[in-house]
C-alpha atoms as a PDB file:
ATOM      1  CA  MET A   1       0.000   0.000   0.000  1.00  0.00           C
ATOM      2  CA  LEU A   2       3.044   2.280   0.111  1.00  0.00           C
ATOM      3  CA  GLY A   3       2.511   3.506  -3.452  1.00  0.00           C
ATOM      4  CA  VAL A   4      -1.151   4.269  -2.778  1.00  0.00           C
ATOM      5  CA  ILE A   5      -0.335   6.181   0.419  1.00  0.00           C
ATOM      6  CA  VAL A   6       2.283   8.259  -1.411  1.00  0.00           C
ATOM      7  CA  ASN A   7      -0.281   8.988  -4.140  1.00  0.00           C
ATOM      8  CA  VAL A   8      -2.873  10.087  -1.568  1.00  0.00           C
ATOM      9  CA  LEU A   9      -0.351  12.371   0.158  1.00  0.00           C
ATOM     10  CA  ALA A  10       0.632  13.839  -3.214  1.00  0.00           C
ATOM     11  CA  VAL A  11      -3.004  14.769  -3.892  1.00  0.00           C
ATOM     12  CA  LEU A  12      -3.424  16.262  -0.413  1.00  0.00           C
ATOM     13  CA  PHE A  13      -0.230  18.329  -0.468  1.00  0.00           C
ATOM     14  CA  GLY A  14      -0.708  19.418  -4.071  1.00  0.00           C
ATOM     15  CA  GLY A  15      -4.321  20.320  -3.420  1.00  0.00           C
ATOM     16  CA  GLY A  16      -3.359  22.211  -0.256  1.00  0.00           C
ATOM     17  CA  ILE A  17      -0.863  24.319  -2.173  1.00  0.00           C
ATOM     18  CA  GLY A  18      -3.495  24.943  -4.848  1.00  0.00           C
ATOM     19  CA  MET A  19      -5.967  26.148  -2.221  1.00  0.00           C
ATOM     20  CA  LEU A  20      -3.391  28.618  -0.882  1.00  0.00           C
ATOM     21  CA  ILE A  21      -2.643  29.909  -4.364  1.00  0.00           C
ATOM     22  CA  LYS A  22      -6.364  30.284  -5.065  1.00  0.00           C
ATOM     23  CA  LYS A  23      -6.776  32.955  -2.408  1.00  0.00           C
ATOM     24  CA  GLY A  24      -4.553  35.352  -4.322  1.00  0.00           C
ATOM     25  CA  ILE A  25      -6.154  34.824  -7.734  1.00  0.00           C
ATOM     26  CA  PRO A  26      -8.749  37.401  -8.942  1.00  0.00           C
ATOM     27  CA  GLU A  27     -12.177  35.985  -9.786  1.00  0.00           C
ATOM     28  CA  ARG A  28     -11.943  36.784 -13.504  1.00  0.00           C
ATOM     29  CA  VAL A  29      -8.583  35.004 -13.705  1.00  0.00           C
ATOM     30  CA  SER A  30      -9.943  32.045 -11.726  1.00  0.00           C
ATOM     31  CA  ASP A  31     -12.914  31.783 -14.076  1.00  0.00           C
ATOM     32  CA  ALA A  32     -10.647  31.857 -17.133  1.00  0.00           C
ATOM     33  CA  MET A  33      -8.397  29.223 -15.568  1.00  0.00           C
ATOM     34  CA  MET A  34     -11.383  26.971 -14.965  1.00  0.00           C
ATOM     35  CA  LYS A  35     -12.424  27.242 -18.615  1.00  0.00           C
ATOM     36  CA  GLY A  36      -8.858  26.451 -19.686  1.00  0.00           C
ATOM     37  CA  LEU A  37      -8.841  23.504 -17.315  1.00  0.00           C
ATOM     38  CA  GLY A  38     -12.035  22.296 -18.938  1.00  0.00           C
ATOM     39  CA  LEU A  39     -10.396  22.409 -22.366  1.00  0.00           C
ATOM     40  CA  CYS A  40      -7.430  20.398 -21.061  1.00  0.00           C
ATOM     41  CA  THR A  41      -9.876  17.883 -19.582  1.00  0.00           C
ATOM     42  CA  LEU A  42     -11.585  17.554 -22.957  1.00  0.00           C
ATOM     43  CA  TYR A  43      -8.224  16.813 -24.567  1.00  0.00           C
ATOM     44  CA  ILE A  44      -7.326  14.205 -21.915  1.00  0.00           C
ATOM     45  CA  GLY A  45     -10.673  12.515 -22.389  1.00  0.00           C
ATOM     46  CA  TRP A  46     -10.499  12.546 -26.186  1.00  0.00           C
ATOM     47  CA  SER A  47      -6.961  11.144 -26.351  1.00  0.00           C
ATOM     48  CA  GLY A  48      -7.732   8.396 -23.816  1.00  0.00           C
ATOM     49  CA  ALA A  49     -10.938   7.387 -25.578  1.00  0.00           C
ATOM     50  CA  LEU A  50      -8.911   6.454 -28.647  1.00  0.00           C
ATOM     51  CA  LYS A  51      -7.157   3.663 -26.723  1.00  0.00           C
ATOM     52  CA  GLY A  52     -10.214   1.416 -27.045  1.00  0.00           C
ATOM     53  CA  SER A  53     -10.697  -0.831 -30.058  1.00  0.00           C
ATOM     54  CA  ASN A  54     -14.199  -2.259 -29.560  1.00  0.00           C
ATOM     55  CA  THR A  55     -16.940   0.320 -30.003  1.00  0.00           C
ATOM     56  CA  LEU A  56     -19.602  -2.176 -28.971  1.00  0.00           C
ATOM     57  CA  VAL A  57     -17.979  -2.578 -25.551  1.00  0.00           C
ATOM     58  CA  LEU A  58     -18.075   1.195 -25.128  1.00  0.00           C
ATOM     59  CA  ILE A  59     -21.724   1.500 -26.160  1.00  0.00           C
ATOM     60  CA  LEU A  60     -22.951  -1.395 -24.010  1.00  0.00           C
ATOM     61  CA  SER A  61     -20.859  -0.292 -21.025  1.00  0.00           C
ATOM     62  CA  MET A  62     -22.286   3.224 -21.200  1.00  0.00           C
ATOM     63  CA  ALA A  63     -25.868   2.042 -21.684  1.00  0.00           C
ATOM     64  CA  ILE A  64     -25.819  -0.521 -18.871  1.00  0.00           C
ATOM     65  CA  GLY A  65     -23.642   1.623 -16.609  1.00  0.00           C
ATOM     66  CA  ILE A  66     -25.956   4.619 -16.866  1.00  0.00           C
ATOM     67  CA  VAL A  67     -28.967   2.460 -15.974  1.00  0.00           C
ATOM     68  CA  ILE A  68     -27.099   1.209 -12.876  1.00  0.00           C
ATOM     69  CA  GLY A  69     -25.847   4.661 -11.919  1.00  0.00           C
ATOM     70  CA  GLU A  70     -29.257   6.288 -12.340  1.00  0.00           C
ATOM     71  CA  GLY A  71     -30.860   3.467 -10.385  1.00  0.00           C
ATOM     72  CA  LEU A  72     -28.432   3.977  -7.517  1.00  0.00           C
ATOM     73  CA  THR A  73     -28.729   7.795  -7.843  1.00  0.00           C
ATOM     74  CA  LEU A  74     -24.999   8.134  -7.213  1.00  0.00           C
ATOM     75  CA  ASP A  75     -24.923  11.818  -8.141  1.00  0.00           C
ATOM     76  CA  ALA A  76     -27.802  12.688  -5.809  1.00  0.00           C
ATOM     77  CA  ARG A  77     -26.245  10.721  -2.939  1.00  0.00           C
ATOM     78  CA  LEU A  78     -22.910  12.505  -3.318  1.00  0.00           C
ATOM     79  CA  ASN A  79     -24.560  15.900  -3.569  1.00  0.00           C
ATOM     80  CA  ARG A  80     -26.517  15.265  -0.379  1.00  0.00           C
ATOM     81  CA  PHE A  81     -23.256  14.370   1.339  1.00  0.00           C
ATOM     82  CA  ALA A  82     -21.555  17.445  -0.117  1.00  0.00           C
ATOM     83  CA  ALA A  83     -24.440  19.690   0.964  1.00  0.00           C
ATOM     84  CA  GLY A  84     -23.471  19.118   4.580  1.00  0.00           C
ATOM     85  CA  LEU A  85     -19.875  19.999   3.836  1.00  0.00           C
ATOM     86  CA  GLU A  86     -20.954  23.137   1.985  1.00  0.00           C
ATOM     87  CA  GLU A  87     -22.202  24.528   5.299  1.00  0.00           C
ATOM     88  CA  ARG A  88     -18.687  24.369   6.685  1.00  0.00           C
ATOM     89  CA  PHE A  89     -16.701  25.110   3.545  1.00  0.00           C
ATOM     90  CA  LYS A  90     -18.493  27.813   1.618  1.00  0.00           C
ATOM     91  CA  LYS A  91     -17.791  28.173  -2.090  1.00  0.00           C
ATOM     92  CA  ASP A  92     -15.436  31.037  -2.822  1.00  0.00           C
ATOM     93  CA  ASN A  93     -16.913  32.074  -6.161  1.00  0.00           C
ATOM     94  CA  GLY A  94     -20.408  30.641  -5.963  1.00  0.00           C
ATOM     95  CA  LYS A  95     -19.855  28.613  -9.124  1.00  0.00           C
ATOM     96  CA  VAL A  96     -17.903  25.497  -8.190  1.00  0.00           C
ATOM     97  CA  SER A  97     -19.266  23.182  -5.514  1.00  0.00           C
ATOM     98  CA  ILE A  98     -17.421  20.666  -3.392  1.00  0.00           C
ATOM     99  CA  ALA A  99     -19.170  17.856  -5.284  1.00  0.00           C
ATOM    100  CA  GLU A 100     -18.004  19.181  -8.655  1.00  0.00           C
ATOM    101  CA  GLY A 101     -14.402  19.412  -7.506  1.00  0.00           C
ATOM    102  CA  PHE A 102     -14.555  15.963  -5.917  1.00  0.00           C
ATOM    103  CA  ILE A 103     -16.018  14.268  -9.010  1.00  0.00           C
ATOM    104  CA  ALA A 104     -13.674  15.990 -11.446  1.00  0.00           C
ATOM    105  CA  ALA A 105     -10.519  15.202  -9.476  1.00  0.00           C
ATOM    106  CA  SER A 106     -11.570  11.643  -8.567  1.00  0.00           C
ATOM    107  CA  LEU A 107     -12.150  10.704 -12.196  1.00  0.00           C
ATOM    108  CA  LEU A 108      -8.957  12.304 -13.440  1.00  0.00           C
ATOM    109  CA  PHE A 109      -6.801  10.741 -10.720  1.00  0.00           C
ATOM    110  CA  CYS A 110      -8.313   7.235 -10.937  1.00  0.00           C
ATOM    111  CA  VAL A 111      -9.176   6.667 -14.599  1.00  0.00           C
ATOM    112  CA  GLY A 112      -6.507   5.262 -16.860  1.00  0.00           C
ATOM    113  CA  ALA A 113      -4.094   2.439 -17.469  1.00  0.00           C
ATOM    114  CA  MET A 114      -1.459   3.909 -15.141  1.00  0.00           C
ATOM    115  CA  THR A 115      -3.855   3.619 -12.187  1.00  0.00           C
ATOM    116  CA  VAL A 116      -4.907   0.031 -12.891  1.00  0.00           C
ATOM    117  CA  VAL A 117      -1.533  -1.352 -13.978  1.00  0.00           C
ATOM    118  CA  GLY A 118       0.391   0.538 -11.288  1.00  0.00           C
ATOM    119  CA  SER A 119      -1.908  -0.753  -8.549  1.00  0.00           C
ATOM    120  CA  LEU A 120      -1.649  -4.302  -9.887  1.00  0.00           C
ATOM    121  CA  GLN A 121       2.158  -4.112  -9.949  1.00  0.00           C
ATOM    122  CA  ALA A 122       2.124  -2.885  -6.354  1.00  0.00           C
ATOM    123  CA  GLY A 123      -0.207  -5.654  -5.209  1.00  0.00           C
ATOM    124  CA  LEU A 124       1.380  -8.526  -7.134  1.00  0.00           C
ATOM    125  CA  ALA A 125       5.088  -7.719  -7.071  1.00  0.00           C
ATOM    126  CA  GLY A 126       5.561  -4.865  -4.593  1.00  0.00           C
ATOM    127  CA  ASN A 127       6.676  -2.669  -7.512  1.00  0.00           C
ATOM    128  CA  TYR A 128       5.728   0.963  -6.760  1.00  0.00           C
ATOM    129  CA  GLU A 129       7.575   2.655  -9.615  1.00  0.00           C
ATOM    130  CA  MET A 130       4.491   3.412 -11.713  1.00  0.00           C
ATOM    131  CA  LEU A 131       2.465   4.639  -8.729  1.00  0.00           C
ATOM    132  CA  PHE A 132       5.340   6.901  -7.665  1.00  0.00           C
ATOM    133  CA  THR A 133       5.454   8.360 -11.172  1.00  0.00           C
ATOM    134  CA  LYS A 134       1.688   8.842 -11.099  1.00  0.00           C
ATOM    135  CA  SER A 135       2.006  10.545  -7.708  1.00  0.00           C
ATOM    136  CA  VAL A 136       4.256  13.219  -9.192  1.00  0.00           C
ATOM    137  CA  LEU A 137       1.760  13.848 -11.995  1.00  0.00           C
ATOM    138  CA  ASP A 138      -1.173  13.940  -9.553  1.00  0.00           C
ATOM    139  CA  PHE A 139       0.694  16.343  -7.279  1.00  0.00           C
ATOM    140  CA  ILE A 140       0.979  18.854 -10.115  1.00  0.00           C
ATOM    141  CA  SER A 141      -2.572  18.225 -11.331  1.00  0.00           C
ATOM    142  CA  SER A 142      -4.068  18.601  -7.855  1.00  0.00           C
ATOM    143  CA  MET A 143      -2.392  21.996  -7.446  1.00  0.00           C
ATOM    144  CA  ILE A 144      -3.927  23.242 -10.666  1.00  0.00           C
ATOM    145  CA  PHE A 145      -7.337  21.722 -10.001  1.00  0.00           C
ATOM    146  CA  ALA A 146      -7.582  22.883  -6.375  1.00  0.00           C
ATOM    147  CA  SER A 147      -6.731  26.446  -7.409  1.00  0.00           C
ATOM    148  CA  THR A 148      -9.869  26.482  -9.563  1.00  0.00           C
ATOM    149  CA  LEU A 149     -12.195  23.752  -8.246  1.00  0.00           C
ATOM    150  CA  GLY A 150     -11.581  24.159  -4.523  1.00  0.00           C
ATOM    151  CA  ILE A 151     -11.564  21.835  -1.530  1.00  0.00           C
ATOM    152  CA  GLY A 152     -13.432  19.035  -3.315  1.00  0.00           C
ATOM    153  CA  VAL A 153     -10.100  18.183  -4.962  1.00  0.00           C
ATOM    154  CA  LEU A 154      -8.569  17.417  -1.564  1.00  0.00           C
ATOM    155  CA  LEU A 155     -11.520  15.185  -0.690  1.00  0.00           C
ATOM    156  CA  SER A 156     -10.855  13.163  -3.835  1.00  0.00           C
ATOM    157  CA  ALA A 157      -7.855  11.725  -1.974  1.00  0.00           C
ATOM    158  CA  VAL A 158     -10.374   9.481  -0.181  1.00  0.00           C
ATOM    159  CA  PHE A 159     -11.556   8.073  -3.520  1.00  0.00           C
ATOM    160  CA  VAL A 160      -7.941   7.569  -4.624  1.00  0.00           C
ATOM    161  CA  LEU A 161      -7.271   5.612  -1.422  1.00  0.00           C
ATOM    162  CA  LEU A 162     -10.348   3.416  -1.803  1.00  0.00           C
ATOM    163  CA  PHE A 163     -10.079   2.836  -5.569  1.00  0.00           C
ATOM    164  CA  GLN A 164      -6.342   2.207  -5.894  1.00  0.00           C
ATOM    165  CA  GLY A 165      -6.092   0.576  -2.491  1.00  0.00           C
ATOM    166  CA  GLY A 166      -8.906  -1.776  -3.437  1.00  0.00           C
ATOM    167  CA  ILE A 167      -7.089  -2.869  -6.587  1.00  0.00           C
ATOM    168  CA  VAL A 168      -3.856  -3.415  -4.643  1.00  0.00           C
ATOM    169  CA  LEU A 169      -5.583  -5.537  -1.998  1.00  0.00           C
ATOM    170  CA  LEU A 170      -7.551  -7.517  -4.590  1.00  0.00           C
ATOM    171  CA  ALA A 171      -4.672  -7.790  -7.057  1.00  0.00           C
ATOM    172  CA  GLN A 172      -4.391 -11.571  -6.768  1.00  0.00           C
ATOM    173  CA  VAL A 173      -8.097 -11.940  -7.489  1.00  0.00           C
ATOM    174  CA  VAL A 174      -8.647  -9.385 -10.285  1.00  0.00           C
ATOM    175  CA  ALA A 175      -5.316  -9.701 -12.131  1.00  0.00           C
ATOM    176  CA  PRO A 176      -6.440 -12.621 -14.347  1.00  0.00           C
ATOM    177  CA  PHE A 177      -9.420 -10.560 -15.544  1.00  0.00           C
ATOM    178  CA  LEU A 178      -7.525  -7.313 -16.270  1.00  0.00           C
ATOM    179  CA  THR A 179      -5.879  -8.243 -19.544  1.00  0.00           C
ATOM    180  CA  ASP A 180      -4.359  -5.595 -21.809  1.00  0.00           C
ATOM    181  CA  GLY A 181      -7.577  -5.565 -23.822  1.00  0.00           C
ATOM    182  CA  VAL A 182      -9.779  -5.092 -20.760  1.00  0.00           C
ATOM    183  CA  VAL A 183      -7.577  -2.283 -19.403  1.00  0.00           C
ATOM    184  CA  ALA A 184      -7.680  -0.567 -22.811  1.00  0.00           C
ATOM    185  CA  GLU A 185     -11.482  -0.698 -22.928  1.00  0.00           C
ATOM    186  CA  MET A 186     -11.756   0.483 -19.298  1.00  0.00           C
ATOM    187  CA  THR A 187      -9.497   3.403 -20.176  1.00  0.00           C
ATOM    188  CA  CYS A 188     -11.644   4.151 -23.223  1.00  0.00           C
ATOM    189  CA  VAL A 189     -14.904   4.211 -21.265  1.00  0.00           C
ATOM    190  CA  GLY A 190     -13.351   6.174 -18.413  1.00  0.00           C
ATOM    191  CA  SER A 191     -11.934   8.707 -20.858  1.00  0.00           C
ATOM    192  CA  VAL A 192     -15.366   9.272 -22.372  1.00  0.00           C
ATOM    193  CA  LEU A 193     -16.509  10.137 -18.844  1.00  0.00           C
ATOM    194  CA  ILE A 194     -13.604  12.553 -18.523  1.00  0.00           C
ATOM    195  CA  PHE A 195     -14.626  14.159 -21.829  1.00  0.00           C
ATOM    196  CA  ALA A 196     -18.160  14.603 -20.451  1.00  0.00           C
ATOM    197  CA  LEU A 197     -16.603  16.115 -17.350  1.00  0.00           C
ATOM    198  CA  GLY A 198     -14.723  18.600 -19.528  1.00  0.00           C
ATOM    199  CA  LEU A 199     -17.991  19.671 -21.148  1.00  0.00           C
ATOM    200  CA  ASN A 200     -19.370  20.390 -17.676  1.00  0.00           C
ATOM    201  CA  ILE A 201     -16.317  22.375 -16.601  1.00  0.00           C
ATOM    202  CA  VAL A 202     -16.402  24.518 -19.739  1.00  0.00           C
ATOM    203  CA  GLY A 203     -20.098  25.134 -19.106  1.00  0.00           C
ATOM    204  CA  ILE A 204     -21.512  23.492 -22.222  1.00  0.00           C
ATOM    205  CA  THR A 205     -23.455  20.778 -20.360  1.00  0.00           C
ATOM    206  CA  LYS A 206     -24.583  19.821 -16.866  1.00  0.00           C
ATOM    207  CA  LEU A 207     -24.271  16.062 -17.116  1.00  0.00           C
ATOM    208  CA  LYS A 208     -24.494  13.957 -13.947  1.00  0.00           C
ATOM    209  CA  VAL A 209     -21.195  12.239 -14.714  1.00  0.00           C
ATOM    210  CA  LEU A 210     -21.064  10.326 -11.445  1.00  0.00           C
ATOM    211  CA  ASN A 211     -24.153   8.379 -12.531  1.00  0.00           C
ATOM    212  CA  PHE A 212     -22.114   7.180 -15.527  1.00  0.00           C
ATOM    213  CA  LEU A 213     -19.272   5.830 -13.369  1.00  0.00           C
ATOM    214  CA  PRO A 214     -20.439   2.160 -13.197  1.00  0.00           C
ATOM    215  CA  ALA A 215     -19.858   2.008 -16.958  1.00  0.00           C
ATOM    216  CA  MET A 216     -16.102   2.079 -16.393  1.00  0.00           C
ATOM    217  CA  PHE A 217     -16.088  -1.342 -14.717  1.00  0.00           C
ATOM    218  CA  LEU A 218     -18.337  -3.177 -17.176  1.00  0.00           C
ATOM    219  CA  PRO A 219     -15.576  -3.846 -19.771  1.00  0.00           C
ATOM    220  CA  ILE A 220     -14.215  -6.403 -17.265  1.00  0.00           C
ATOM    221  CA  LEU A 221     -17.283  -8.512 -18.078  1.00  0.00           C
ATOM    222  CA  LEU A 222     -18.169  -7.347 -21.582  1.00  0.00           C
ATOM    223  CA  THR A 223     -14.754  -7.502 -23.262  1.00  0.00           C
ATOM    224  CA  PRO A 224     -14.156 -11.274 -22.861  1.00  0.00           C
ATOM    225  CA  LEU A 225     -17.866 -11.976 -23.419  1.00  0.00           C
ATOM    226  CA  LEU A 226     -17.998 -10.160 -26.761  1.00  0.00           C
ATOM    227  CA  VAL A 227     -14.672 -11.634 -27.856  1.00  0.00           C
ATOM    228  CA  ASN A 228     -16.107 -15.141 -27.385  1.00  0.00           C
ATOM    229  CA  ILE A 229     -19.386 -14.264 -29.132  1.00  0.00           C
ATOM    230  CA  LEU A 230     -17.834 -12.397 -32.049  1.00  0.00           C
END
């Protein structure tokens, strides 16, 4: 778990620095930075989505995942939880909520091949090199995100701990199922979610991206199933 703990600390320290920087940034500059951040998020999502090779896996994962997410009302549950935190940590600019910052950062820090493969390497072989590299990247990203999206970015460290820590602890069990093809399709689906997140940050849409999150895990089942059928 050493690599995961380092990653969590990187998010916390980076986010803390970002929060300090935020206090000295004028509102108009902060708003422009958030729009620029949204454009970068769109690029990250678009480039990652191209890693998939089976469009049917993407379509089915999104369709089934959205049904699950809407049924569980994940977005509403998180927003109810965040509403209590809002009373203690008021929004600085009235535009970005704790929930928005939490969802954006959690997806960006936990979606991708580096997260899955790095956690598997840590759990199976005690190799933390990839997670350490990811920690450096997340440290920089969390600074930028916290300066525009606020304290929700720091709270995403909890999701990083649970998501990556879960993979590390279950590495022996899930490793046989996470083939290169499955990881590629998971990255593809997750990147589409990141693209949707970018649309929200820019202000084009108001999608409940958290309700789409179950879609990211469905390629574990759908990829081998469709390969056998097709």
